[in-house]
Amino acid sequence: MPDPNQRLAALLDRTDFKIEKLAGDASDRSFFRVIFDAAGIDGRKTAVLMLLGEPHDGGELPYLNVQRHMDSAGLPVPGIIIADIENGLILMEDYGDLTLEEAIEGAEREKVLDLYKKAADLILDMQFGSGKNICEDCIVYKYAFDVEKFMFEFDFFYKHAVLAFKKAAPGTTDENIIKRGFLYISETLAAEPRFVTHRDYHSRNLMVRADGALGMVDFQDARMGPAQYDLASLLMDSYVSLPVGVAKDVYEYYFGNYSRRAPSPDTRTRFDRIYDFMTVQRNIKAAGSFAYLDVVKKKNRYLQYFQPCLAKVKPALERLGDELTAFHDTLSKYVGELR
């Protein structure tokens, strides 16, 4: 990787700074904190440098497109200071180091509940508040969780988790049952009304800022999807174990506000059912990613989340009962975490 010091010095035409490597995410991007010695930049003493993992030459970078529109809609995303896409470099506002995951570690229940209610409010703001003003040329509106997208994610799980990681070899009959279950879930969810979704809304992509407000990162894959998508991502997060009752309380808080703001709100029974479908899809998708990172990318640190992720799928499948019994029974033959 080219020296980030040299790349940034050339871009800024100054060298009065130092950089510190930050923990990365599951992508091929690299992140650094830039600390200026004297005069900062745009009034800031620190900034975050993101180096792209690969060149981008296909028009506007999705990260910048989504950031620009979310920022203009009043949603809390880091401001862009300088973008030099030709050289794969973006300098942006520093939201600090405290993720929601870290903020709740060892915290009292009330503090956890308060932070998660803020996270629920932010989902609602994307759906009904300032986020509804995102301009139509934003790519968020050009992509949706349709049947094709959901099936792509299920097939990704099947290939990398079932066949590669588990080394399973389902016969034709069992494979057909599993694939029919995937399709049924996909068609059910794709038929739902669509809202702006962050798409990867969990405790590692929410930053707790110095003023206690939350900020969003890793939002470049935002697209339209069911109202329950980000809620399931937040409350069924593989990375954290919430205090007893917090997930239920936040769910109730979200649903109450959703019902007041939605033009045609779902009944509670219907909302719960779609939430269970969304939990199944979202966590199976995440488990597929964890398996892929282990088997293909050799990023083995994510494998520890495979079991906790699927442990949250089993109760949802059981609540859905007859609709997915054959699918559940068959898939669990090859993925023991679902038994």
C-alpha atoms as a PDB file:
ATOM      1  CA  MET A   1       0.000   0.000   0.000  1.00  0.00           C
ATOM      2  CA  PRO A   2       1.396   3.453  -0.884  1.00  0.00           C
ATOM      3  CA  ASP A   3       2.553   5.521   2.081  1.00  0.00           C
ATOM      4  CA  PRO A   4      -0.537   7.426   3.326  1.00  0.00           C
ATOM      5  CA  ASN A   5       1.723  10.148   4.781  1.00  0.00           C
ATOM      6  CA  GLN A   6       3.136  10.922   1.353  1.00  0.00           C
ATOM      7  CA  ARG A   7      -0.231  10.773  -0.363  1.00  0.00           C
ATOM      8  CA  LEU A   8      -1.834  13.131   2.124  1.00  0.00           C
ATOM      9  CA  ALA A   9       1.140  15.512   2.197  1.00  0.00           C
ATOM     10  CA  ALA A  10       0.996  15.806  -1.581  1.00  0.00           C
ATOM     11  CA  LEU A  11      -2.723  16.475  -1.522  1.00  0.00           C
ATOM     12  CA  LEU A  12      -2.627  19.071   1.267  1.00  0.00           C
ATOM     13  CA  ASP A  13       0.762  20.557   0.357  1.00  0.00           C
ATOM     14  CA  ARG A  14       1.737  20.458   4.022  1.00  0.00           C
ATOM     15  CA  THR A  15       3.473  18.068   6.384  1.00  0.00           C
ATOM     16  CA  ASP A  16       2.522  19.404   9.813  1.00  0.00           C
ATOM     17  CA  PHE A  17       0.541  16.320  10.781  1.00  0.00           C
ATOM     18  CA  LYS A  18       0.922  12.758  11.938  1.00  0.00           C
ATOM     19  CA  ILE A  19      -1.323   9.804  11.220  1.00  0.00           C
ATOM     20  CA  GLU A  20      -2.425   6.826  13.285  1.00  0.00           C
ATOM     21  CA  LYS A  21      -3.766   3.602  11.840  1.00  0.00           C
ATOM     22  CA  LEU A  22      -7.360   2.897  12.826  1.00  0.00           C
ATOM     23  CA  ALA A  23      -9.113  -0.445  13.013  1.00  0.00           C
ATOM     24  CA  GLY A  24     -10.636  -1.290   9.657  1.00  0.00           C
ATOM     25  CA  ASP A  25     -13.898  -2.938   8.730  1.00  0.00           C
ATOM     26  CA  ALA A  26     -14.576  -6.048   6.665  1.00  0.00           C
ATOM     27  CA  SER A  27     -13.863  -4.179   3.421  1.00  0.00           C
ATOM     28  CA  ASP A  28     -10.527  -3.598   1.702  1.00  0.00           C
ATOM     29  CA  ARG A  29     -10.442   0.073   2.708  1.00  0.00           C
ATOM     30  CA  SER A  30      -7.901   1.461   5.188  1.00  0.00           C
ATOM     31  CA  PHE A  31      -8.534   4.173   7.785  1.00  0.00           C
ATOM     32  CA  PHE A  32      -6.210   6.597   9.575  1.00  0.00           C
ATOM     33  CA  ARG A  33      -6.631   9.432  12.037  1.00  0.00           C
ATOM     34  CA  VAL A  34      -4.861  12.597  10.952  1.00  0.00           C
ATOM     35  CA  ILE A  35      -3.640  14.819  13.808  1.00  0.00           C
ATOM     36  CA  PHE A  36      -2.485  18.295  12.836  1.00  0.00           C
ATOM     37  CA  ASP A  37       0.400  19.854  14.767  1.00  0.00           C
ATOM     38  CA  ALA A  38      -0.649  23.502  14.548  1.00  0.00           C
ATOM     39  CA  ALA A  39      -3.399  24.983  12.430  1.00  0.00           C
ATOM     40  CA  GLY A  40      -5.987  22.339  11.698  1.00  0.00           C
ATOM     41  CA  ILE A  41      -8.063  22.033   8.587  1.00  0.00           C
ATOM     42  CA  ASP A  42     -11.512  23.581   8.285  1.00  0.00           C
ATOM     43  CA  GLY A  43     -11.264  24.438  11.975  1.00  0.00           C
ATOM     44  CA  ARG A  44     -10.609  20.829  12.958  1.00  0.00           C
ATOM     45  CA  LYS A  45      -7.530  19.527  14.758  1.00  0.00           C
ATOM     46  CA  THR A  46      -8.171  15.953  13.616  1.00  0.00           C
ATOM     47  CA  ALA A  47      -9.688  14.244  10.610  1.00  0.00           C
ATOM     48  CA  VAL A  48     -10.123  10.697   9.313  1.00  0.00           C
ATOM     49  CA  LEU A  49      -8.371   9.552   6.158  1.00  0.00           C
ATOM     50  CA  MET A  50      -9.973   6.751   4.150  1.00  0.00           C
ATOM     51  CA  LEU A  51      -7.906   5.016   1.484  1.00  0.00           C
ATOM     52  CA  LEU A  52      -9.928   3.060  -1.050  1.00  0.00           C
ATOM     53  CA  GLY A  53      -8.968  -0.571  -1.509  1.00  0.00           C
ATOM     54  CA  GLU A  54      -9.214  -0.418  -5.294  1.00  0.00           C
ATOM     55  CA  PRO A  55      -9.449   2.252  -8.018  1.00  0.00           C
ATOM     56  CA  HIS A  56     -12.848   3.681  -8.831  1.00  0.00           C
ATOM     57  CA  ASP A  57     -13.546   4.887 -12.353  1.00  0.00           C
ATOM     58  CA  GLY A  58     -17.273   4.320 -12.736  1.00  0.00           C
ATOM     59  CA  GLY A  59     -18.668   7.801 -12.138  1.00  0.00           C
ATOM     60  CA  GLU A  60     -19.410   9.265  -8.737  1.00  0.00           C
ATOM     61  CA  LEU A  61     -18.225   7.088  -5.872  1.00  0.00           C
ATOM     62  CA  PRO A  62     -21.266   5.593  -4.082  1.00  0.00           C
ATOM     63  CA  TYR A  63     -19.878   6.638  -0.694  1.00  0.00           C
ATOM     64  CA  LEU A  64     -19.720  10.281  -1.791  1.00  0.00           C
ATOM     65  CA  ASN A  65     -23.120  10.190  -3.478  1.00  0.00           C
ATOM     66  CA  VAL A  66     -24.885   8.798  -0.413  1.00  0.00           C
ATOM     67  CA  GLN A  67     -22.914  11.016   1.972  1.00  0.00           C
ATOM     68  CA  ARG A  68     -23.773  14.160   0.016  1.00  0.00           C
ATOM     69  CA  HIS A  69     -27.473  13.479  -0.005  1.00  0.00           C
ATOM     70  CA  MET A  70     -27.731  12.220   3.568  1.00  0.00           C
ATOM     71  CA  ASP A  71     -25.776  15.239   4.769  1.00  0.00           C
ATOM     72  CA  SER A  72     -28.048  17.616   2.845  1.00  0.00           C
ATOM     73  CA  ALA A  73     -31.047  15.847   4.387  1.00  0.00           C
ATOM     74  CA  GLY A  74     -29.764  16.547   7.896  1.00  0.00           C
ATOM     75  CA  LEU A  75     -28.741  12.984   8.698  1.00  0.00           C
ATOM     76  CA  PRO A  76     -25.607  12.559  10.861  1.00  0.00           C
ATOM     77  CA  VAL A  77     -22.859  11.404   8.502  1.00  0.00           C
ATOM     78  CA  PRO A  78     -19.230  12.631   8.558  1.00  0.00           C
ATOM     79  CA  GLY A  79     -18.604  15.740   6.492  1.00  0.00           C
ATOM     80  CA  ILE A  80     -16.230  15.461   3.548  1.00  0.00           C
ATOM     81  CA  ILE A  81     -13.188  17.737   3.775  1.00  0.00           C
ATOM     82  CA  ILE A  82     -11.339  16.669   0.623  1.00  0.00           C
ATOM     83  CA  ALA A  83     -12.048  13.883  -1.879  1.00  0.00           C
ATOM     84  CA  ASP A  84      -9.324  12.819  -4.308  1.00  0.00           C
ATOM     85  CA  ILE A  85     -10.917   9.773  -5.889  1.00  0.00           C
ATOM     86  CA  GLU A  86      -8.349   9.537  -8.665  1.00  0.00           C
ATOM     87  CA  ASN A  87      -5.785   8.709  -5.999  1.00  0.00           C
ATOM     88  CA  GLY A  88      -8.238   6.790  -3.815  1.00  0.00           C
ATOM     89  CA  LEU A  89      -8.207   9.195  -0.894  1.00  0.00           C
ATOM     90  CA  ILE A  90     -11.006  10.792   1.144  1.00  0.00           C
ATOM     91  CA  LEU A  91     -10.403  13.087   4.124  1.00  0.00           C
ATOM     92  CA  MET A  92     -13.444  13.475   6.330  1.00  0.00           C
ATOM     93  CA  GLU A  93     -14.806  14.646   9.648  1.00  0.00           C
ATOM     94  CA  ASP A  94     -13.619  12.720  12.693  1.00  0.00           C
ATOM     95  CA  TYR A  95     -16.460  11.224  14.748  1.00  0.00           C
ATOM     96  CA  GLY A  96     -14.056   9.832  17.355  1.00  0.00           C
ATOM     97  CA  ASP A  97     -13.359   6.239  18.364  1.00  0.00           C
ATOM     98  CA  LEU A  98     -16.373   5.324  20.486  1.00  0.00           C
ATOM     99  CA  THR A  99     -18.668   2.904  18.679  1.00  0.00           C
ATOM    100  CA  LEU A 100     -22.076   1.978  20.054  1.00  0.00           C
ATOM    101  CA  GLU A 101     -20.655  -1.497  20.699  1.00  0.00           C
ATOM    102  CA  GLU A 102     -17.954  -0.046  22.937  1.00  0.00           C
ATOM    103  CA  ALA A 103     -20.237   2.524  24.573  1.00  0.00           C
ATOM    104  CA  ILE A 104     -22.595  -0.115  25.980  1.00  0.00           C
ATOM    105  CA  GLU A 105     -19.906  -2.484  27.223  1.00  0.00           C
ATOM    106  CA  GLY A 106     -20.436  -2.734  30.984  1.00  0.00           C
ATOM    107  CA  ALA A 107     -22.925   0.153  30.924  1.00  0.00           C
ATOM    108  CA  GLU A 108     -26.022   0.351  33.106  1.00  0.00           C
ATOM    109  CA  ARG A 109     -29.231  -0.835  31.501  1.00  0.00           C
ATOM    110  CA  GLU A 110     -30.744   2.659  31.347  1.00  0.00           C
ATOM    111  CA  LYS A 111     -27.751   4.032  29.461  1.00  0.00           C
ATOM    112  CA  VAL A 112     -27.922   1.177  26.957  1.00  0.00           C
ATOM    113  CA  LEU A 113     -31.649   1.708  26.521  1.00  0.00           C
ATOM    114  CA  ASP A 114     -31.164   5.444  25.979  1.00  0.00           C
ATOM    115  CA  LEU A 115     -28.522   4.907  23.295  1.00  0.00           C
ATOM    116  CA  TYR A 116     -30.600   2.298  21.508  1.00  0.00           C
ATOM    117  CA  LYS A 117     -33.658   4.537  21.544  1.00  0.00           C
ATOM    118  CA  LYS A 118     -31.492   7.182  19.872  1.00  0.00           C
ATOM    119  CA  ALA A 119     -30.546   4.572  17.289  1.00  0.00           C
ATOM    120  CA  ALA A 120     -34.235   3.768  16.745  1.00  0.00           C
ATOM    121  CA  ASP A 121     -34.981   7.478  16.358  1.00  0.00           C
ATOM    122  CA  LEU A 122     -32.324   7.701  13.674  1.00  0.00           C
ATOM    123  CA  ILE A 123     -33.952   4.853  11.736  1.00  0.00           C
ATOM    124  CA  LEU A 124     -37.268   6.687  11.928  1.00  0.00           C
ATOM    125  CA  ASP A 125     -35.577   9.896  10.804  1.00  0.00           C
ATOM    126  CA  MET A 126     -34.245   8.130   7.717  1.00  0.00           C
ATOM    127  CA  GLN A 127     -37.721   6.785   7.034  1.00  0.00           C
ATOM    128  CA  PHE A 128     -40.032   9.651   7.964  1.00  0.00           C
ATOM    129  CA  GLY A 129     -38.017  12.640   9.137  1.00  0.00           C
ATOM    130  CA  SER A 130     -35.237  14.603   7.502  1.00  0.00           C
ATOM    131  CA  GLY A 131     -34.147  11.581   5.528  1.00  0.00           C
ATOM    132  CA  LYS A 132     -37.307  11.646   3.453  1.00  0.00           C
ATOM    133  CA  ASN A 133     -35.941  14.741   1.728  1.00  0.00           C
ATOM    134  CA  ILE A 134     -33.015  12.871   0.169  1.00  0.00           C
ATOM    135  CA  CYS A 135     -32.851  14.014  -3.463  1.00  0.00           C
ATOM    136  CA  GLU A 136     -34.078  11.733  -6.195  1.00  0.00           C
ATOM    137  CA  ASP A 137     -30.683  11.576  -7.939  1.00  0.00           C
ATOM    138  CA  CYS A 138     -29.236   9.813  -4.901  1.00  0.00           C
ATOM    139  CA  ILE A 139     -28.391   6.208  -5.739  1.00  0.00           C
ATOM    140  CA  VAL A 140     -30.289   5.116  -2.628  1.00  0.00           C
ATOM    141  CA  TYR A 141     -33.430   5.338  -4.746  1.00  0.00           C
ATOM    142  CA  LYS A 142     -31.957   3.410  -7.674  1.00  0.00           C
ATOM    143  CA  TYR A 143     -31.413   0.212  -5.719  1.00  0.00           C
ATOM    144  CA  ALA A 144     -33.809  -1.817  -3.630  1.00  0.00           C
ATOM    145  CA  PHE A 145     -34.047  -5.046  -1.733  1.00  0.00           C
ATOM    146  CA  ASP A 146     -35.989  -6.821  -4.439  1.00  0.00           C
ATOM    147  CA  VAL A 147     -36.295 -10.581  -4.997  1.00  0.00           C
ATOM    148  CA  GLU A 148     -33.090 -10.650  -7.016  1.00  0.00           C
ATOM    149  CA  LYS A 149     -31.056  -8.933  -4.289  1.00  0.00           C
ATOM    150  CA  PHE A 150     -32.438 -11.051  -1.469  1.00  0.00           C
ATOM    151  CA  MET A 151     -31.809 -14.230  -3.479  1.00  0.00           C
ATOM    152  CA  PHE A 152     -28.266 -13.131  -4.267  1.00  0.00           C
ATOM    153  CA  GLU A 153     -27.592 -12.847  -0.531  1.00  0.00           C
ATOM    154  CA  PHE A 154     -29.193 -16.216   0.201  1.00  0.00           C
ATOM    155  CA  ASP A 155     -27.181 -17.869  -2.584  1.00  0.00           C
ATOM    156  CA  PHE A 156     -24.051 -16.244  -1.167  1.00  0.00           C
ATOM    157  CA  PHE A 157     -24.828 -17.884   2.197  1.00  0.00           C
ATOM    158  CA  TYR A 158     -25.523 -21.228   0.540  1.00  0.00           C
ATOM    159  CA  LYS A 159     -22.242 -21.158  -1.395  1.00  0.00           C
ATOM    160  CA  HIS A 160     -19.924 -19.882   1.322  1.00  0.00           C
ATOM    161  CA  ALA A 161     -21.560 -21.087   4.548  1.00  0.00           C
ATOM    162  CA  VAL A 162     -23.320 -24.338   3.616  1.00  0.00           C
ATOM    163  CA  LEU A 163     -21.088 -25.697   0.859  1.00  0.00           C
ATOM    164  CA  ALA A 164     -17.681 -24.189   1.662  1.00  0.00           C
ATOM    165  CA  PHE A 165     -17.576 -23.556   5.418  1.00  0.00           C
ATOM    166  CA  LYS A 166     -19.784 -26.469   6.518  1.00  0.00           C
ATOM    167  CA  LYS A 167     -18.544 -28.656   3.649  1.00  0.00           C
ATOM    168  CA  ALA A 168     -22.091 -29.957   3.247  1.00  0.00           C
ATOM    169  CA  ALA A 169     -23.449 -31.631   0.126  1.00  0.00           C
ATOM    170  CA  PRO A 170     -27.263 -31.482   0.146  1.00  0.00           C
ATOM    171  CA  GLY A 171     -28.971 -33.754  -2.354  1.00  0.00           C
ATOM    172  CA  THR A 172     -31.296 -32.417  -5.034  1.00  0.00           C
ATOM    173  CA  THR A 173     -34.444 -32.800  -2.924  1.00  0.00           C
ATOM    174  CA  ASP A 174     -33.047 -31.002   0.100  1.00  0.00           C
ATOM    175  CA  GLU A 175     -31.430 -28.307  -2.010  1.00  0.00           C
ATOM    176  CA  ASN A 176     -34.750 -27.622  -3.708  1.00  0.00           C
ATOM    177  CA  ILE A 177     -36.524 -27.297  -0.354  1.00  0.00           C
ATOM    178  CA  ILE A 178     -33.878 -24.860   0.876  1.00  0.00           C
ATOM    179  CA  LYS A 179     -33.964 -22.814  -2.328  1.00  0.00           C
ATOM    180  CA  ARG A 180     -37.777 -22.690  -2.278  1.00  0.00           C
ATOM    181  CA  GLY A 181     -37.586 -21.390   1.293  1.00  0.00           C
ATOM    182  CA  PHE A 182     -35.111 -18.727   0.223  1.00  0.00           C
ATOM    183  CA  LEU A 183     -37.440 -17.674  -2.581  1.00  0.00           C
ATOM    184  CA  TYR A 184     -40.518 -17.584  -0.343  1.00  0.00           C
ATOM    185  CA  ILE A 185     -38.753 -15.327   2.164  1.00  0.00           C
ATOM    186  CA  SER A 186     -37.418 -13.124  -0.630  1.00  0.00           C
ATOM    187  CA  GLU A 187     -40.798 -12.703  -2.293  1.00  0.00           C
ATOM    188  CA  THR A 188     -42.475 -11.958   1.024  1.00  0.00           C
ATOM    189  CA  LEU A 189     -40.003  -9.231   1.940  1.00  0.00           C
ATOM    190  CA  ALA A 190     -39.724  -7.745  -1.553  1.00  0.00           C
ATOM    191  CA  ALA A 191     -43.488  -7.149  -1.596  1.00  0.00           C
ATOM    192  CA  GLU A 192     -43.275  -4.815   1.423  1.00  0.00           C
ATOM    193  CA  PRO A 193     -43.428  -0.994   1.183  1.00  0.00           C
ATOM    194  CA  ARG A 194     -39.924   0.428   0.814  1.00  0.00           C
ATOM    195  CA  PHE A 195     -38.089   2.952   2.966  1.00  0.00           C
ATOM    196  CA  VAL A 196     -34.557   4.345   3.027  1.00  0.00           C
ATOM    197  CA  THR A 197     -32.338   1.791   4.774  1.00  0.00           C
ATOM    198  CA  HIS A 198     -28.728   2.177   5.909  1.00  0.00           C
ATOM    199  CA  ARG A 199     -28.299  -1.471   5.008  1.00  0.00           C
ATOM    200  CA  ASP A 200     -25.593  -2.265   7.614  1.00  0.00           C
ATOM    201  CA  TYR A 201     -27.072  -0.636  10.687  1.00  0.00           C
ATOM    202  CA  HIS A 202     -25.384  -2.166  13.725  1.00  0.00           C
ATOM    203  CA  SER A 203     -23.279  -1.312  16.762  1.00  0.00           C
ATOM    204  CA  ARG A 204     -19.995  -1.001  14.874  1.00  0.00           C
ATOM    205  CA  ASN A 205     -21.373   1.426  12.317  1.00  0.00           C
ATOM    206  CA  LEU A 206     -22.910   3.804  14.850  1.00  0.00           C
ATOM    207  CA  MET A 207     -20.539   6.214  16.557  1.00  0.00           C
ATOM    208  CA  VAL A 208     -21.282   7.873  19.893  1.00  0.00           C
ATOM    209  CA  ARG A 209     -20.018  11.414  19.460  1.00  0.00           C
ATOM    210  CA  ALA A 210     -18.642  13.728  22.148  1.00  0.00           C
ATOM    211  CA  ASP A 211     -22.044  15.385  22.628  1.00  0.00           C
ATOM    212  CA  GLY A 212     -23.760  12.006  23.097  1.00  0.00           C
ATOM    213  CA  ALA A 213     -25.463  12.081  19.697  1.00  0.00           C
ATOM    214  CA  LEU A 214     -25.101   9.189  17.290  1.00  0.00           C
ATOM    215  CA  GLY A 215     -23.442   9.364  13.889  1.00  0.00           C
ATOM    216  CA  MET A 216     -23.571   6.859  11.043  1.00  0.00           C
ATOM    217  CA  VAL A 217     -20.636   5.410   9.103  1.00  0.00           C
ATOM    218  CA  ASP A 218     -20.299   2.720   6.418  1.00  0.00           C
ATOM    219  CA  PHE A 219     -23.507   3.856   4.727  1.00  0.00           C
ATOM    220  CA  GLN A 220     -22.425   3.612   1.087  1.00  0.00           C
ATOM    221  CA  ASP A 221     -24.618   0.584   0.375  1.00  0.00           C
ATOM    222  CA  ALA A 222     -27.848   2.291   1.479  1.00  0.00           C
ATOM    223  CA  ARG A 223     -30.884   1.325  -0.554  1.00  0.00           C
ATOM    224  CA  MET A 224     -34.659   1.015  -0.330  1.00  0.00           C
ATOM    225  CA  GLY A 225     -36.085  -1.816   1.726  1.00  0.00           C
ATOM    226  CA  PRO A 226     -38.674  -2.895   4.304  1.00  0.00           C
ATOM    227  CA  ALA A 227     -39.247  -0.752   7.388  1.00  0.00           C
ATOM    228  CA  GLN A 228     -38.043  -3.649   9.533  1.00  0.00           C
ATOM    229  CA  TYR A 229     -34.656  -3.988   7.808  1.00  0.00           C
ATOM    230  CA  ASP A 230     -32.516  -1.613   9.888  1.00  0.00           C
ATOM    231  CA  LEU A 231     -34.460  -2.429  13.054  1.00  0.00           C
ATOM    232  CA  ALA A 232     -33.640  -6.130  12.692  1.00  0.00           C
ATOM    233  CA  SER A 233     -30.033  -5.259  11.884  1.00  0.00           C
ATOM    234  CA  LEU A 234     -29.788  -3.163  15.067  1.00  0.00           C
ATOM    235  CA  LEU A 235     -31.582  -5.458  17.500  1.00  0.00           C
ATOM    236  CA  MET A 236     -30.340  -8.781  16.087  1.00  0.00           C
ATOM    237  CA  ASP A 237     -26.733  -7.526  15.913  1.00  0.00           C
ATOM    238  CA  SER A 238     -24.210 -10.371  16.116  1.00  0.00           C
ATOM    239  CA  TYR A 239     -21.575  -8.230  17.829  1.00  0.00           C
ATOM    240  CA  VAL A 240     -23.382  -7.411  21.076  1.00  0.00           C
ATOM    241  CA  SER A 241     -25.457  -9.045  23.771  1.00  0.00           C
ATOM    242  CA  LEU A 242     -27.994  -6.539  25.067  1.00  0.00           C
ATOM    243  CA  PRO A 243     -29.203  -6.473  28.688  1.00  0.00           C
ATOM    244  CA  VAL A 244     -32.375  -8.446  29.333  1.00  0.00           C
ATOM    245  CA  GLY A 245     -35.435  -6.726  27.939  1.00  0.00           C
ATOM    246  CA  VAL A 246     -33.650  -3.894  26.119  1.00  0.00           C
ATOM    247  CA  ALA A 247     -34.307  -5.248  22.634  1.00  0.00           C
ATOM    248  CA  LYS A 248     -37.999  -5.692  23.484  1.00  0.00           C
ATOM    249  CA  ASP A 249     -38.262  -2.174  24.933  1.00  0.00           C
ATOM    250  CA  VAL A 250     -36.574  -0.614  21.901  1.00  0.00           C
ATOM    251  CA  TYR A 251     -38.794  -2.635  19.579  1.00  0.00           C
ATOM    252  CA  GLU A 252     -41.887  -1.333  21.366  1.00  0.00           C
ATOM    253  CA  TYR A 253     -40.502   2.213  21.278  1.00  0.00           C
ATOM    254  CA  TYR A 254     -39.817   1.979  17.545  1.00  0.00           C
ATOM    255  CA  PHE A 255     -43.173   0.411  16.708  1.00  0.00           C
ATOM    256  CA  GLY A 256     -45.103   3.044  18.659  1.00  0.00           C
ATOM    257  CA  ASN A 257     -43.375   5.863  16.786  1.00  0.00           C
ATOM    258  CA  TYR A 258     -43.583   4.044  13.456  1.00  0.00           C
ATOM    259  CA  SER A 259     -47.325   3.584  13.907  1.00  0.00           C
ATOM    260  CA  ARG A 260     -47.826   7.284  14.566  1.00  0.00           C
ATOM    261  CA  ARG A 261     -45.766   8.393  11.570  1.00  0.00           C
ATOM    262  CA  ALA A 262     -46.516   5.852   8.851  1.00  0.00           C
ATOM    263  CA  PRO A 263     -49.339   6.868   6.441  1.00  0.00           C
ATOM    264  CA  SER A 264     -50.777   3.340   6.542  1.00  0.00           C
ATOM    265  CA  PRO A 265     -49.201   1.584   9.536  1.00  0.00           C
ATOM    266  CA  ASP A 266     -49.192  -2.180   9.803  1.00  0.00           C
ATOM    267  CA  THR A 267     -51.109  -3.997  12.469  1.00  0.00           C
ATOM    268  CA  ARG A 268     -48.842  -5.243  15.229  1.00  0.00           C
ATOM    269  CA  THR A 269     -49.357  -8.864  14.173  1.00  0.00           C
ATOM    270  CA  ARG A 270     -48.376  -8.148  10.596  1.00  0.00           C
ATOM    271  CA  PHE A 271     -45.402  -5.977  11.575  1.00  0.00           C
ATOM    272  CA  ASP A 272     -44.119  -8.725  13.896  1.00  0.00           C
ATOM    273  CA  ARG A 273     -44.413 -11.339  11.158  1.00  0.00           C
ATOM    274  CA  ILE A 274     -42.422  -9.307   8.650  1.00  0.00           C
ATOM    275  CA  TYR A 275     -39.861  -8.519  11.341  1.00  0.00           C
ATOM    276  CA  ASP A 276     -39.341 -12.257  11.856  1.00  0.00           C
ATOM    277  CA  PHE A 277     -38.905 -12.777   8.112  1.00  0.00           C
ATOM    278  CA  MET A 278     -36.444  -9.889   8.102  1.00  0.00           C
ATOM    279  CA  THR A 279     -34.519 -11.345  11.037  1.00  0.00           C
ATOM    280  CA  VAL A 280     -34.168 -14.643   9.177  1.00  0.00           C
ATOM    281  CA  GLN A 281     -32.964 -13.007   5.972  1.00  0.00           C
ATOM    282  CA  ARG A 282     -30.695 -10.396   7.546  1.00  0.00           C
ATOM    283  CA  ASN A 283     -28.899 -12.798   9.873  1.00  0.00           C
ATOM    284  CA  ILE A 284     -28.530 -15.556   7.301  1.00  0.00           C
ATOM    285  CA  LYS A 285     -26.994 -12.924   5.032  1.00  0.00           C
ATOM    286  CA  ALA A 286     -24.618 -11.842   7.820  1.00  0.00           C
ATOM    287  CA  ALA A 287     -23.639 -15.456   8.559  1.00  0.00           C
ATOM    288  CA  GLY A 288     -22.819 -15.906   4.888  1.00  0.00           C
ATOM    289  CA  SER A 289     -20.533 -12.888   5.079  1.00  0.00           C
ATOM    290  CA  PHE A 290     -18.772 -14.254   8.166  1.00  0.00           C
ATOM    291  CA  ALA A 291     -18.201 -17.587   6.409  1.00  0.00           C
ATOM    292  CA  TYR A 292     -16.915 -15.836   3.281  1.00  0.00           C
ATOM    293  CA  LEU A 293     -14.512 -13.697   5.302  1.00  0.00           C
ATOM    294  CA  ASP A 294     -13.152 -16.847   6.931  1.00  0.00           C
ATOM    295  CA  VAL A 295     -12.968 -19.188   3.945  1.00  0.00           C
ATOM    296  CA  VAL A 296     -12.116 -16.786   1.124  1.00  0.00           C
ATOM    297  CA  LYS A 297     -10.622 -13.635   2.633  1.00  0.00           C
ATOM    298  CA  LYS A 298      -8.904 -15.443   5.529  1.00  0.00           C
ATOM    299  CA  LYS A 299     -10.171 -12.807   7.972  1.00  0.00           C
ATOM    300  CA  ASN A 300     -10.753 -15.404  10.668  1.00  0.00           C
ATOM    301  CA  ARG A 301     -11.643 -12.941  13.442  1.00  0.00           C
ATOM    302  CA  TYR A 302     -15.210 -12.779  12.167  1.00  0.00           C
ATOM    303  CA  LEU A 303     -15.893 -16.489  12.563  1.00  0.00           C
ATOM    304  CA  GLN A 304     -16.658 -16.056  16.273  1.00  0.00           C
ATOM    305  CA  TYR A 305     -19.879 -14.273  15.285  1.00  0.00           C
ATOM    306  CA  PHE A 306     -21.225 -17.062  13.066  1.00  0.00           C
ATOM    307  CA  GLN A 307     -22.956 -18.969  15.850  1.00  0.00           C
ATOM    308  CA  PRO A 308     -24.397 -15.938  17.724  1.00  0.00           C
ATOM    309  CA  CYS A 309     -25.706 -14.630  14.436  1.00  0.00           C
ATOM    310  CA  LEU A 310     -27.626 -17.788  13.564  1.00  0.00           C
ATOM    311  CA  ALA A 311     -28.751 -18.306  17.168  1.00  0.00           C
ATOM    312  CA  LYS A 312     -31.025 -15.291  16.612  1.00  0.00           C
ATOM    313  CA  VAL A 313     -32.526 -16.863  13.492  1.00  0.00           C
ATOM    314  CA  LYS A 314     -33.858 -20.004  15.150  1.00  0.00           C
ATOM    315  CA  PRO A 315     -36.521 -18.327  17.378  1.00  0.00           C
ATOM    316  CA  ALA A 316     -37.790 -16.305  14.412  1.00  0.00           C
ATOM    317  CA  LEU A 317     -38.099 -19.467  12.306  1.00  0.00           C
ATOM    318  CA  GLU A 318     -39.955 -21.176  15.135  1.00  0.00           C
ATOM    319  CA  ARG A 319     -42.400 -18.266  15.453  1.00  0.00           C
ATOM    320  CA  LEU A 320     -43.098 -18.391  11.723  1.00  0.00           C
ATOM    321  CA  GLY A 321     -44.117 -22.020  12.175  1.00  0.00           C
ATOM    322  CA  ASP A 322     -45.752 -23.825   9.263  1.00  0.00           C
ATOM    323  CA  GLU A 323     -44.731 -21.219   6.712  1.00  0.00           C
ATOM    324  CA  LEU A 324     -41.084 -22.278   6.973  1.00  0.00           C
ATOM    325  CA  THR A 325     -41.103 -25.615   8.815  1.00  0.00           C
ATOM    326  CA  ALA A 326     -39.804 -27.693   5.891  1.00  0.00           C
ATOM    327  CA  PHE A 327     -37.173 -25.063   5.114  1.00  0.00           C
ATOM    328  CA  HIS A 328     -36.054 -24.889   8.757  1.00  0.00           C
ATOM    329  CA  ASP A 329     -35.923 -28.650   9.219  1.00  0.00           C
ATOM    330  CA  THR A 330     -33.967 -29.164   6.021  1.00  0.00           C
ATOM    331  CA  LEU A 331     -31.453 -26.331   6.360  1.00  0.00           C
ATOM    332  CA  SER A 332     -30.735 -27.277   9.974  1.00  0.00           C
ATOM    333  CA  LYS A 333     -29.519 -30.696   8.786  1.00  0.00           C
ATOM    334  CA  TYR A 334     -26.497 -28.927   7.338  1.00  0.00           C
ATOM    335  CA  VAL A 335     -26.241 -25.884   9.589  1.00  0.00           C
ATOM    336  CA  GLY A 336     -26.303 -27.182  13.136  1.00  0.00           C
ATOM    337  CA  GLU A 337     -26.591 -23.727  14.657  1.00  0.00           C
ATOM    338  CA  LEU A 338     -30.253 -23.702  13.510  1.00  0.00           C
ATOM    339  CA  ARG A 339     -31.268 -26.928  15.248  1.00  0.00           C
END
